C-alpha atoms as a PDB file:
ATOM      1  CA  MET A   1     -18.618  26.832   3.308  1.00  0.00           C
ATOM      2  CA  GLU A   2     -22.641  27.308   3.759  1.00  0.00           C
ATOM      3  CA  ASP A   3     -22.325  29.754   0.603  1.00  0.00           C
ATOM      4  CA  LEU A   4     -20.564  27.463  -1.487  1.00  0.00           C
ATOM      5  CA  ILE A   5     -23.133  24.626  -0.963  1.00  0.00           C
ATOM      6  CA  ASN A   6     -25.898  26.805  -1.784  1.00  0.00           C
ATOM      7  CA  ALA A   7     -24.047  28.087  -4.799  1.00  0.00           C
ATOM      8  CA  LEU A   8     -23.678  24.366  -5.665  1.00  0.00           C
ATOM      9  CA  ASN A   9     -27.344  23.428  -5.078  1.00  0.00           C
ATOM     10  CA  GLU A  10     -28.768  26.173  -7.087  1.00  0.00           C
ATOM     11  CA  THR A  11     -26.519  25.637  -9.985  1.00  0.00           C
ATOM     12  CA  LEU A  12     -27.490  21.850  -9.881  1.00  0.00           C
ATOM     13  CA  ALA A  13     -30.989  22.530  -9.784  1.00  0.00           C
ATOM     14  CA  GLN A  14     -30.826  24.379 -13.089  1.00  0.00           C
ATOM     15  CA  LEU A  15     -29.312  21.429 -14.816  1.00  0.00           C
ATOM     16  CA  ASP A  16     -30.686  20.468 -18.038  1.00  0.00           C
ATOM     17  CA  TYR A  17     -30.400  16.616 -18.322  1.00  0.00           C
ATOM     18  CA  GLY A  18     -32.720  16.002 -21.359  1.00  0.00           C
ATOM     19  CA  LYS A  19     -36.637  15.778 -21.670  1.00  0.00           C
ATOM     20  CA  LYS A  20     -37.652  12.745 -23.779  1.00  0.00           C
ATOM     21  CA  PRO A  21     -38.061  10.025 -23.463  1.00  0.00           C
ATOM     22  CA  THR A  22     -39.076  11.012 -19.940  1.00  0.00           C
ATOM     23  CA  GLU A  23     -38.231   7.214 -18.467  1.00  0.00           C
ATOM     24  CA  LEU A  24     -34.481   8.401 -19.481  1.00  0.00           C
ATOM     25  CA  TYR A  25     -34.101  11.719 -17.701  1.00  0.00           C
ATOM     26  CA  GLU A  26     -36.567  11.545 -14.812  1.00  0.00           C
ATOM     27  CA  PRO A  27     -34.383   8.917 -13.151  1.00  0.00           C
ATOM     28  CA  ILE A  28     -31.606  11.256 -13.521  1.00  0.00           C
ATOM     29  CA  ARG A  29     -33.307  14.080 -11.755  1.00  0.00           C
ATOM     30  CA  TYR A  30     -34.936  11.676  -9.088  1.00  0.00           C
ATOM     31  CA  ILE A  31     -31.481  10.734  -7.785  1.00  0.00           C
ATOM     32  CA  MET A  32     -30.023  14.034  -8.089  1.00  0.00           C
ATOM     33  CA  ASP A  33     -33.117  15.541  -6.101  1.00  0.00           C
ATOM     34  CA  LEU A  34     -32.323  12.978  -3.096  1.00  0.00           C
ATOM     35  CA  GLY A  35     -30.013  15.199  -1.451  1.00  0.00           C
ATOM     36  CA  GLY A  36     -26.628  14.208  -0.186  1.00  0.00           C
ATOM     37  CA  LYS A  37     -23.939  16.506   1.419  1.00  0.00           C
ATOM     38  CA  ARG A  38     -22.274  17.445  -1.788  1.00  0.00           C
ATOM     39  CA  LEU A  39     -18.996  16.854  -0.186  1.00  0.00           C
ATOM     40  CA  ARG A  40     -16.950  16.070  -3.502  1.00  0.00           C
ATOM     41  CA  PRO A  41     -17.882  19.191  -5.521  1.00  0.00           C
ATOM     42  CA  LEU A  42     -17.475  21.304  -2.085  1.00  0.00           C
ATOM     43  CA  LEU A  43     -13.772  20.059  -2.221  1.00  0.00           C
ATOM     44  CA  THR A  44     -13.024  21.215  -5.334  1.00  0.00           C
ATOM     45  CA  LEU A  45     -14.351  24.691  -4.827  1.00  0.00           C
ATOM     46  CA  LEU A  46     -12.652  24.572  -1.231  1.00  0.00           C
ATOM     47  CA  SER A  47      -9.287  23.638  -3.052  1.00  0.00           C
ATOM     48  CA  ALA A  48      -9.717  26.363  -5.643  1.00  0.00           C
ATOM     49  CA  LYS A  49     -10.302  28.729  -2.918  1.00  0.00           C
ATOM     50  CA  LEU A  50      -6.706  28.048  -1.840  1.00  0.00           C
ATOM     51  CA  TYR A  51      -5.548  29.709  -4.874  1.00  0.00           C
ATOM     52  CA  THR A  52      -8.520  32.650  -5.827  1.00  0.00           C
ATOM     53  CA  PRO A  53     -11.155  33.958  -4.073  1.00  0.00           C
ATOM     54  CA  ASP A  54     -13.522  33.695  -7.109  1.00  0.00           C
ATOM     55  CA  THR A  55     -14.642  30.047  -7.287  1.00  0.00           C
ATOM     56  CA  GLN A  56     -17.791  31.137  -9.399  1.00  0.00           C
ATOM     57  CA  PRO A  57     -16.190  29.851 -12.741  1.00  0.00           C
ATOM     58  CA  PHE A  58     -15.434  26.548 -11.306  1.00  0.00           C
ATOM     59  CA  ILE A  59     -19.112  25.382 -10.109  1.00  0.00           C
ATOM     60  CA  LEU A  60     -20.122  23.405 -13.378  1.00  0.00           C
ATOM     61  CA  PRO A  61     -16.629  21.530 -13.580  1.00  0.00           C
ATOM     62  CA  ALA A  62     -17.094  20.737  -9.850  1.00  0.00           C
ATOM     63  CA  LEU A  63     -20.946  19.662 -10.120  1.00  0.00           C
ATOM     64  CA  ALA A  64     -19.462  16.925 -13.018  1.00  0.00           C
ATOM     65  CA  VAL A  65     -17.687  15.405  -9.826  1.00  0.00           C
ATOM     66  CA  GLU A  66     -21.093  15.061  -8.283  1.00  0.00           C
ATOM     67  CA  VAL A  67     -22.946  14.211 -11.213  1.00  0.00           C
ATOM     68  CA  PHE A  68     -20.337  11.204 -11.684  1.00  0.00           C
ATOM     69  CA  HIS A  69     -20.581  10.365  -8.120  1.00  0.00           C
ATOM     70  CA  ASN A  70     -24.530   9.713  -8.259  1.00  0.00           C
ATOM     71  CA  PHE A  71     -23.991   7.961 -11.661  1.00  0.00           C
ATOM     72  CA  THR A  72     -21.826   5.300  -9.400  1.00  0.00           C
ATOM     73  CA  LEU A  73     -24.418   5.195  -6.731  1.00  0.00           C
ATOM     74  CA  MET A  74     -27.267   4.136  -9.381  1.00  0.00           C
ATOM     75  CA  HIS A  75     -25.568   1.586 -10.712  1.00  0.00           C
ATOM     76  CA  ASP A  76     -23.899   0.255  -7.355  1.00  0.00           C
ATOM     77  CA  ASP A  77     -27.464   0.142  -6.335  1.00  0.00           C
ATOM     78  CA  ILE A  78     -28.352  -2.056  -8.879  1.00  0.00           C
ATOM     79  CA  MET A  79     -25.294  -4.462  -8.279  1.00  0.00           C
ATOM     80  CA  ASP A  80     -26.076  -4.356  -4.494  1.00  0.00           C
ATOM     81  CA  LYS A  81     -29.948  -5.145  -5.110  1.00  0.00           C
ATOM     82  CA  ALA A  82     -30.125  -2.149  -2.998  1.00  0.00           C
ATOM     83  CA  PRO A  83     -34.034  -0.981  -2.251  1.00  0.00           C
ATOM     84  CA  LEU A  84     -33.489   2.132  -0.566  1.00  0.00           C
ATOM     85  CA  ARG A  85     -30.826   5.205  -1.074  1.00  0.00           C
ATOM     86  CA  ARG A  86     -31.365   8.170   1.458  1.00  0.00           C
ATOM     87  CA  GLY A  87     -34.362   6.805   2.781  1.00  0.00           C
ATOM     88  CA  LYS A  88     -36.012   6.444  -0.821  1.00  0.00           C
ATOM     89  CA  PRO A  89     -36.729   3.956  -3.446  1.00  0.00           C
ATOM     90  CA  THR A  90     -33.410   3.311  -5.626  1.00  0.00           C
ATOM     91  CA  VAL A  91     -33.988   4.039  -9.324  1.00  0.00           C
ATOM     92  CA  HIS A  92     -33.995   0.455 -10.359  1.00  0.00           C
ATOM     93  CA  THR A  93     -36.631  -0.372  -7.943  1.00  0.00           C
ATOM     94  CA  GLN A  94     -38.803   2.917  -8.765  1.00  0.00           C
ATOM     95  CA  TRP A  95     -38.540   2.027 -12.358  1.00  0.00           C
ATOM     96  CA  ASN A  96     -36.463  -1.121 -13.495  1.00  0.00           C
ATOM     97  CA  GLU A  97     -32.805  -2.331 -13.770  1.00  0.00           C
ATOM     98  CA  ASN A  98     -32.651  -1.486 -17.559  1.00  0.00           C
ATOM     99  CA  ILE A  99     -33.835   2.094 -16.954  1.00  0.00           C
ATOM    100  CA  ALA A 100     -31.451   2.610 -14.229  1.00  0.00           C
ATOM    101  CA  ILE A 101     -28.739   1.284 -16.276  1.00  0.00           C
ATOM    102  CA  LEU A 102     -29.045   3.741 -19.271  1.00  0.00           C
ATOM    103  CA  SER A 103     -29.980   6.741 -17.220  1.00  0.00           C
ATOM    104  CA  GLY A 104     -26.671   5.828 -15.290  1.00  0.00           C
ATOM    105  CA  ASP A 105     -24.835   6.122 -18.716  1.00  0.00           C
ATOM    106  CA  VAL A 106     -26.199   9.432 -19.360  1.00  0.00           C
ATOM    107  CA  MET A 107     -25.270  10.782 -16.186  1.00  0.00           C
ATOM    108  CA  LEU A 108     -21.595   9.734 -17.057  1.00  0.00           C
ATOM    109  CA  VAL A 109     -21.862  11.640 -20.362  1.00  0.00           C
ATOM    110  CA  LYS A 110     -23.431  14.450 -18.582  1.00  0.00           C
ATOM    111  CA  ALA A 111     -20.375  14.725 -16.408  1.00  0.00           C
ATOM    112  CA  TYR A 112     -18.037  14.749 -19.311  1.00  0.00           C
ATOM    113  CA  SER A 113     -20.136  17.725 -20.694  1.00  0.00           C
ATOM    114  CA  LEU A 114     -19.694  19.749 -17.661  1.00  0.00           C
ATOM    115  CA  PHE A 115     -16.010  19.208 -17.530  1.00  0.00           C
ATOM    116  CA  LEU A 116     -16.041  20.982 -20.690  1.00  0.00           C
ATOM    117  CA  HIS A 117     -16.721  24.061 -18.895  1.00  0.00           C
ATOM    118  CA  THR A 118     -13.048  23.889 -17.825  1.00  0.00           C
ATOM    119  CA  PRO A 119     -10.719  26.459 -19.639  1.00  0.00           C
ATOM    120  CA  ASP A 120      -9.014  24.960 -22.650  1.00  0.00           C
ATOM    121  CA  VAL A 121      -5.192  25.336 -21.100  1.00  0.00           C
ATOM    122  CA  HIS A 122      -6.815  23.024 -18.254  1.00  0.00           C
ATOM    123  CA  LEU A 123      -8.928  20.540 -19.998  1.00  0.00           C
ATOM    124  CA  ARG A 124      -6.636  17.851 -21.314  1.00  0.00           C
ATOM    125  CA  LYS A 125      -5.101  17.614 -17.467  1.00  0.00           C
ATOM    126  CA  VAL A 126      -8.713  17.501 -16.133  1.00  0.00           C
ATOM    127  CA  LEU A 127      -9.675  14.758 -18.199  1.00  0.00           C
ATOM    128  CA  MET A 128      -6.493  12.747 -17.916  1.00  0.00           C
ATOM    129  CA  LEU A 129      -7.002  12.835 -14.163  1.00  0.00           C
ATOM    130  CA  PHE A 130     -10.750  12.109 -14.313  1.00  0.00           C
ATOM    131  CA  ASN A 131     -10.224   9.097 -16.649  1.00  0.00           C
ATOM    132  CA  GLN A 132      -7.924   7.604 -14.192  1.00  0.00           C
ATOM    133  CA  CYS A 133     -10.198   8.380 -11.375  1.00  0.00           C
ATOM    134  CA  ALA A 134     -13.196   6.785 -13.033  1.00  0.00           C
ATOM    135  CA  ALA A 135     -11.428   3.627 -13.884  1.00  0.00           C
ATOM    136  CA  GLU A 136     -10.137   3.086 -10.453  1.00  0.00           C
ATOM    137  CA  VAL A 137     -13.618   3.805  -8.762  1.00  0.00           C
ATOM    138  CA  CYS A 138     -14.783   0.825 -11.273  1.00  0.00           C
ATOM    139  CA  GLU A 139     -11.814  -1.274  -9.784  1.00  0.00           C
ATOM    140  CA  GLY A 140     -12.744  -0.661  -6.310  1.00  0.00           C
ATOM    141  CA  GLN A 141     -16.417  -1.618  -6.688  1.00  0.00           C
ATOM    142  CA  GLN A 142     -15.215  -5.022  -8.620  1.00  0.00           C
ATOM    143  CA  TRP A 143     -12.962  -5.688  -5.478  1.00  0.00           C
ATOM    144  CA  ASP A 144     -15.744  -4.983  -2.967  1.00  0.00           C
ATOM    145  CA  MET A 145     -18.038  -7.636  -5.141  1.00  0.00           C
ATOM    146  CA  ASN A 146     -15.052 -10.025  -5.228  1.00  0.00           C
ATOM    147  CA  PHE A 147     -14.622  -9.772  -1.496  1.00  0.00           C
ATOM    148  CA  GLU A 148     -18.338 -11.010  -1.011  1.00  0.00           C
ATOM    149  CA  SER A 149     -17.439 -14.663  -1.851  1.00  0.00           C
ATOM    150  CA  CYS A 150     -13.870 -14.464   0.064  1.00  0.00           C
ATOM    151  CA  ASP A 151     -13.742 -16.324   3.180  1.00  0.00           C
ATOM    152  CA  THR A 152     -11.006 -13.998   4.254  1.00  0.00           C
ATOM    153  CA  VAL A 153      -9.942 -10.545   3.401  1.00  0.00           C
ATOM    154  CA  SER A 154      -6.748  -8.760   4.633  1.00  0.00           C
ATOM    155  CA  GLU A 155      -6.625  -5.323   6.076  1.00  0.00           C
ATOM    156  CA  ALA A 156      -4.256  -4.251   3.288  1.00  0.00           C
ATOM    157  CA  ASP A 157      -6.462  -5.617   0.702  1.00  0.00           C
ATOM    158  CA  TYR A 158      -9.647  -3.765   2.396  1.00  0.00           C
ATOM    159  CA  ILE A 159      -7.785  -0.406   2.475  1.00  0.00           C
ATOM    160  CA  GLU A 160      -6.830  -0.581  -1.023  1.00  0.00           C
ATOM    161  CA  MET A 161     -10.351  -1.546  -2.170  1.00  0.00           C
ATOM    162  CA  ILE A 162     -11.735   1.559  -0.062  1.00  0.00           C
ATOM    163  CA  ARG A 163      -8.813   3.578  -1.495  1.00  0.00           C
ATOM    164  CA  LEU A 164     -10.099   2.740  -5.103  1.00  0.00           C
ATOM    165  CA  LYS A 165     -13.837   2.798  -4.552  1.00  0.00           C
ATOM    166  CA  THR A 166     -14.270   6.090  -2.388  1.00  0.00           C
ATOM    167  CA  ALA A 167     -11.125   7.879  -1.390  1.00  0.00           C
ATOM    168  CA  VAL A 168      -9.978   8.185  -5.127  1.00  0.00           C
ATOM    169  CA  LEU A 169     -12.785  10.664  -5.878  1.00  0.00           C
ATOM    170  CA  LEU A 170     -12.164  12.660  -2.827  1.00  0.00           C
ATOM    171  CA  GLY A 171      -8.449  12.988  -4.202  1.00  0.00           C
ATOM    172  CA  PHE A 172      -9.630  13.984  -7.719  1.00  0.00           C
ATOM    173  CA  GLY A 173     -12.251  16.385  -6.352  1.00  0.00           C
ATOM    174  CA  LEU A 174      -9.344  18.303  -4.286  1.00  0.00           C
ATOM    175  CA  ALA A 175      -6.962  18.092  -7.382  1.00  0.00           C
ATOM    176  CA  LEU A 176      -9.572  19.378  -9.815  1.00  0.00           C
ATOM    177  CA  GLY A 177      -9.790  22.352  -7.554  1.00  0.00           C
ATOM    178  CA  GLY A 178      -6.210  22.977  -7.782  1.00  0.00           C
ATOM    179  CA  VAL A 179      -5.813  22.344 -11.411  1.00  0.00           C
ATOM    180  CA  LEU A 180      -8.680  24.606 -12.351  1.00  0.00           C
ATOM    181  CA  ALA A 181      -7.189  27.321  -9.961  1.00  0.00           C
ATOM    182  CA  GLY A 182      -3.929  27.043 -11.609  1.00  0.00           C
ATOM    183  CA  ALA A 183      -1.897  25.462  -8.832  1.00  0.00           C
ATOM    184  CA  PRO A 184       1.416  24.467  -8.804  1.00  0.00           C
ATOM    185  CA  GLU A 185       2.006  20.895 -10.042  1.00  0.00           C
ATOM    186  CA  SER A 186       3.711  19.948  -6.776  1.00  0.00           C
ATOM    187  CA  ASP A 187       0.553  21.286  -5.173  1.00  0.00           C
ATOM    188  CA  ILE A 188      -1.790  19.335  -7.116  1.00  0.00           C
ATOM    189  CA  GLU A 189       0.075  16.201  -6.376  1.00  0.00           C
ATOM    190  CA  LEU A 190       0.005  17.087  -2.641  1.00  0.00           C
ATOM    191  CA  LEU A 191      -4.061  17.637  -3.018  1.00  0.00           C
ATOM    192  CA  LYS A 192      -4.625  14.285  -4.824  1.00  0.00           C
ATOM    193  CA  SER A 193      -2.784  12.439  -1.958  1.00  0.00           C
ATOM    194  CA  MET A 194      -4.542  14.659   0.779  1.00  0.00           C
ATOM    195  CA  GLY A 195      -8.159  13.769  -0.670  1.00  0.00           C
ATOM    196  CA  GLU A 196      -7.085  10.108  -0.945  1.00  0.00           C
ATOM    197  CA  ASN A 197      -6.088  10.031   2.892  1.00  0.00           C
ATOM    198  CA  MET A 198      -9.115  12.054   3.865  1.00  0.00           C
ATOM    199  CA  GLY A 199     -11.341   9.658   1.837  1.00  0.00           C
ATOM    200  CA  LEU A 200      -9.844   6.641   3.548  1.00  0.00           C
ATOM    201  CA  GLY A 201     -10.568   8.306   6.833  1.00  0.00           C
ATOM    202  CA  PHE A 202     -13.755   8.958   5.773  1.00  0.00           C
ATOM    203  CA  GLN A 203     -14.851   5.436   5.017  1.00  0.00           C
ATOM    204  CA  LEU A 204     -13.333   3.955   7.880  1.00  0.00           C
ATOM    205  CA  LYS A 205     -15.542   6.622   9.839  1.00  0.00           C
ATOM    206  CA  ASP A 206     -18.484   5.534   7.779  1.00  0.00           C
ATOM    207  CA  ASP A 207     -17.706   1.699   9.002  1.00  0.00           C
ATOM    208  CA  LEU A 208     -17.801   2.883  12.627  1.00  0.00           C
ATOM    209  CA  LEU A 209     -20.786   4.886  12.540  1.00  0.00           C
ATOM    210  CA  ASP A 210     -22.661   2.056  10.716  1.00  0.00           C
ATOM    211  CA  VAL A 211     -22.234  -0.039  14.000  1.00  0.00           C
ATOM    212  CA  PHE A 212     -21.431   2.429  16.795  1.00  0.00           C
ATOM    213  CA  GLY A 213     -23.074   5.417  15.524  1.00  0.00           C
ATOM    214  CA  ASP A 214     -26.543   7.158  16.838  1.00  0.00           C
ATOM    215  CA  ALA A 215     -29.598   5.896  14.582  1.00  0.00           C
ATOM    216  CA  GLY A 216     -31.161   9.380  15.301  1.00  0.00           C
ATOM    217  CA  LYS A 217     -28.058  10.923  13.865  1.00  0.00           C
ATOM    218  CA  VAL A 218     -26.881   8.641  11.528  1.00  0.00           C
ATOM    219  CA  GLY A 219     -30.462   8.563   9.645  1.00  0.00           C
ATOM    220  CA  LYS A 220     -30.653   4.668   9.360  1.00  0.00           C
ATOM    221  CA  GLN A 221     -30.606   1.696  11.822  1.00  0.00           C
ATOM    222  CA  VAL A 222     -27.062   0.983  13.043  1.00  0.00           C
ATOM    223  CA  GLY A 223     -25.854  -2.496  12.505  1.00  0.00           C
ATOM    224  CA  GLY A 224     -26.614  -2.859   8.686  1.00  0.00           C
ATOM    225  CA  ASP A 225     -23.162  -3.989   7.904  1.00  0.00           C
ATOM    226  CA  ILE A 226     -23.026  -6.515  10.619  1.00  0.00           C
ATOM    227  CA  LEU A 227     -26.348  -8.496   9.258  1.00  0.00           C
ATOM    228  CA  ALA A 228     -24.855  -8.355   5.707  1.00  0.00           C
ATOM    229  CA  ASN A 229     -21.694  -9.918   7.216  1.00  0.00           C
ATOM    230  CA  LYS A 230     -19.896  -7.278   5.280  1.00  0.00           C
ATOM    231  CA  LYS A 231     -16.301  -7.636   5.143  1.00  0.00           C
ATOM    232  CA  THR A 232     -15.539  -4.102   6.803  1.00  0.00           C
ATOM    233  CA  PHE A 233     -12.245  -2.841   8.753  1.00  0.00           C
ATOM    234  CA  LEU A 234     -14.018  -3.931  11.804  1.00  0.00           C
ATOM    235  CA  LEU A 235     -15.167  -7.165  10.952  1.00  0.00           C
ATOM    236  CA  ILE A 236     -11.539  -7.987   9.401  1.00  0.00           C
ATOM    237  CA  GLU A 237      -9.808  -6.884  12.498  1.00  0.00           C
ATOM    238  CA  ALA A 238     -11.987  -9.016  14.805  1.00  0.00           C
ATOM    239  CA  LEU A 239     -11.731 -12.102  12.895  1.00  0.00           C
ATOM    240  CA  GLU A 240      -7.914 -11.324  13.127  1.00  0.00           C
ATOM    241  CA  ARG A 241      -7.848 -11.019  16.588  1.00  0.00           C
ATOM    242  CA  ALA A 242     -10.447 -13.313  18.177  1.00  0.00           C
ATOM    243  CA  VAL A 243      -9.725 -16.443  19.725  1.00  0.00           C
ATOM    244  CA  GLY A 244     -11.260 -18.855  22.032  1.00  0.00           C
ATOM    245  CA  LYS A 245     -14.823 -18.069  23.043  1.00  0.00           C
ATOM    246  CA  GLU A 246     -14.951 -14.848  21.424  1.00  0.00           C
ATOM    247  CA  LYS A 247     -14.032 -16.483  18.109  1.00  0.00           C
ATOM    248  CA  GLU A 248     -16.551 -19.148  18.330  1.00  0.00           C
ATOM    249  CA  THR A 249     -19.306 -16.849  18.967  1.00  0.00           C
ATOM    250  CA  LEU A 250     -18.314 -14.698  16.182  1.00  0.00           C
ATOM    251  CA  MET A 251     -18.406 -17.464  13.530  1.00  0.00           C
ATOM    252  CA  TYR A 252     -21.762 -18.603  14.651  1.00  0.00           C
ATOM    253  CA  TRP A 253     -23.312 -15.199  14.237  1.00  0.00           C
ATOM    254  CA  LEU A 254     -21.487 -15.178  10.684  1.00  0.00           C
ATOM    255  CA  GLN A 255     -22.604 -18.355   9.618  1.00  0.00           C
ATOM    256  CA  ALA A 256     -26.250 -17.947  11.460  1.00  0.00           C
ATOM    257  CA  LYS A 257     -29.221 -18.346   9.191  1.00  0.00           C
ATOM    258  CA  ASP A 258     -32.216 -17.754  11.413  1.00  0.00           C
ATOM    259  CA  TYR A 259     -31.889 -15.128  13.872  1.00  0.00           C
ATOM    260  CA  LEU A 260     -33.357 -11.914  15.383  1.00  0.00           C
ATOM    261  CA  PRO A 261     -31.752  -9.027  13.715  1.00  0.00           C
ATOM    262  CA  ALA A 262     -31.169  -6.788  16.928  1.00  0.00           C
ATOM    263  CA  GLN A 263     -29.776  -9.833  18.588  1.00  0.00           C
ATOM    264  CA  LYS A 264     -27.093 -10.392  16.230  1.00  0.00           C
ATOM    265  CA  ILE A 265     -26.091  -6.657  15.964  1.00  0.00           C
ATOM    266  CA  GLN A 266     -25.701  -6.648  19.771  1.00  0.00           C
ATOM    267  CA  ALA A 267     -23.898  -9.882  19.792  1.00  0.00           C
ATOM    268  CA  VAL A 268     -21.394  -8.483  17.232  1.00  0.00           C
ATOM    269  CA  MET A 269     -21.066  -5.180  18.664  1.00  0.00           C
ATOM    270  CA  ASP A 270     -20.089  -6.714  22.209  1.00  0.00           C
ATOM    271  CA  ILE A 271     -17.232  -8.756  20.526  1.00  0.00           C
ATOM    272  CA  TYR A 272     -15.892  -5.852  18.747  1.00  0.00           C
ATOM    273  CA  ARG A 273     -15.850  -3.909  21.822  1.00  0.00           C
ATOM    274  CA  ALA A 274     -14.185  -6.674  23.877  1.00  0.00           C
ATOM    275  CA  LEU A 275     -11.812  -6.927  21.256  1.00  0.00           C
ATOM    276  CA  GLU A 276     -11.293  -2.955  21.215  1.00  0.00           C
ATOM    277  CA  VAL A 277     -11.701  -2.837  17.230  1.00  0.00           C
ATOM    278  CA  ASP A 278     -13.495   0.068  17.634  1.00  0.00           C
ATOM    279  CA  LYS A 279     -10.556   1.911  19.091  1.00  0.00           C
ATOM    280  CA  LEU A 280      -8.237   0.366  16.753  1.00  0.00           C
ATOM    281  CA  ALA A 281     -10.478   1.937  13.831  1.00  0.00           C
ATOM    282  CA  GLU A 282     -10.563   5.380  15.749  1.00  0.00           C
ATOM    283  CA  ALA A 283      -6.875   5.396  15.663  1.00  0.00           C
ATOM    284  CA  LYS A 284      -6.710   4.263  12.268  1.00  0.00           C
ATOM    285  CA  ILE A 285      -8.989   7.233  11.198  1.00  0.00           C
ATOM    286  CA  LYS A 286      -7.015   9.425  13.148  1.00  0.00           C
ATOM    287  CA  ALA A 287      -3.854   8.527  11.347  1.00  0.00           C
ATOM    288  CA  TYR A 288      -5.444   9.163   8.203  1.00  0.00           C
ATOM    289  CA  PHE A 289      -6.576  12.590   8.930  1.00  0.00           C
ATOM    290  CA  ASP A 290      -3.322  13.676  10.565  1.00  0.00           C
ATOM    291  CA  LEU A 291      -1.769  12.498   7.198  1.00  0.00           C
ATOM    292  CA  SER A 292      -3.957  14.929   5.238  1.00  0.00           C
ATOM    293  CA  TYR A 293      -3.536  17.791   7.816  1.00  0.00           C
ATOM    294  CA  ALA A 294       0.227  17.690   7.301  1.00  0.00           C
ATOM    295  CA  GLN A 295      -0.377  17.713   3.479  1.00  0.00           C
ATOM    296  CA  LEU A 296      -2.450  20.706   3.992  1.00  0.00           C
ATOM    297  CA  ASP A 297       0.454  22.369   5.900  1.00  0.00           C
ATOM    298  CA  ALA A 298       2.696  21.767   3.287  1.00  0.00           C
ATOM    299  CA  LEU A 299       0.792  23.416   0.418  1.00  0.00           C
ATOM    300  CA  LYS A 300       2.442  26.795  -0.635  1.00  0.00           C
ATOM    301  CA  VAL A 301      -0.307  29.182   0.088  1.00  0.00           C
ATOM    302  CA  SER A 302      -0.955  31.428   3.340  1.00  0.00           C
ATOM    303  CA  GLU A 303      -2.772  30.058   6.393  1.00  0.00           C
ATOM    304  CA  ALA A 304      -5.450  32.414   6.086  1.00  0.00           C
ATOM    305  CA  GLN A 305      -6.097  30.536   2.699  1.00  0.00           C
ATOM    306  CA  LYS A 306      -6.025  27.108   4.077  1.00  0.00           C
ATOM    307  CA  THR A 307      -8.895  28.088   6.900  1.00  0.00           C
ATOM    308  CA  PRO A 308     -11.915  27.274   5.158  1.00  0.00           C
ATOM    309  CA  LEU A 309     -10.598  23.771   3.727  1.00  0.00           C
ATOM    310  CA  ARG A 310      -9.067  23.235   7.524  1.00  0.00           C
ATOM    311  CA  GLU A 311     -12.549  23.817   8.937  1.00  0.00           C
ATOM    312  CA  PHE A 312     -14.009  21.605   6.654  1.00  0.00           C
ATOM    313  CA  MET A 313     -11.766  18.611   7.185  1.00  0.00           C
ATOM    314  CA  ASP A 314     -12.353  19.495  11.327  1.00  0.00           C
ATOM    315  CA  TRP A 315     -16.270  18.939  10.346  1.00  0.00           C
ATOM    316  CA  LEU A 316     -15.365  15.792   8.315  1.00  0.00           C
ATOM    317  CA  ILE A 317     -13.518  14.105  11.117  1.00  0.00           C
ATOM    318  CA  ALA A 318     -15.987  15.291  14.042  1.00  0.00           C
ATOM    319  CA  ARG A 319     -19.087  14.202  12.000  1.00  0.00           C
ATOM    320  CA  GLU A 320     -21.636  11.876  13.545  1.00  0.00           C
ATOM    321  CA  HIS A 321     -23.685  10.836  10.543  1.00  0.00           C
END
């Protein structure tokens, strides 16, 4: 995996997005240089590796997934009015909103240009899958924004939102690798579903780490979702399960306007623990990853070929940041 990540980062560093006007292209280089785990293009290469040992020809189409992912982050940051991304000022903060919108648009165009490095025989299939995925990511973002003004959100609605906003891109990343490497259609469908289940577990783990993670390992102050009253799986389940004094205390903190952030975080964490919604989340995460492992087992390739992807999944479920 380290070799694949290095290959992705080396190629990414050499990508030419454009030069002038600098205000248009510099923000793209800025956000792409902020780092990240490169999980999505790595999934594409690991998926392709199931069917062929040589993944070098697939690096540029894989990076299309990373460019698109960062495009969504740039626009999400504008909508969320987020000041920081990976510990650095967001693009719209460093420049302005209009520049961030336009630079993001160019990133989407660049993603399509990188997909053009797909062999002609597979290009139509890749673009059809990507267009469906990209529209679903936008649907997920809209549902997420809608939820901000909803008094209540069901668990089913939340799971569908994170499937669209987060999981479908992991599913596309895995399916892309299969298409590029000439996998059977039945395997491509399995890969897509496996990636979505993996993505659901991934996002639920993020929800859990935001509240119960180690700040030093997570790389940010824990409890941001609590302070924002974000309707995560944990809060949705807590609202469903709380009664009596716990319900009263939870509603107090959700409605409070003047408070010490650390005090609110601790109080809501205590309620989550008392209601055991952290354990419920852990069980849900395990269930989604168990599904993805079962789908990996069902792929029509040898166990030795599955090993790199299985090791990646092991890391993903055990991660602490």
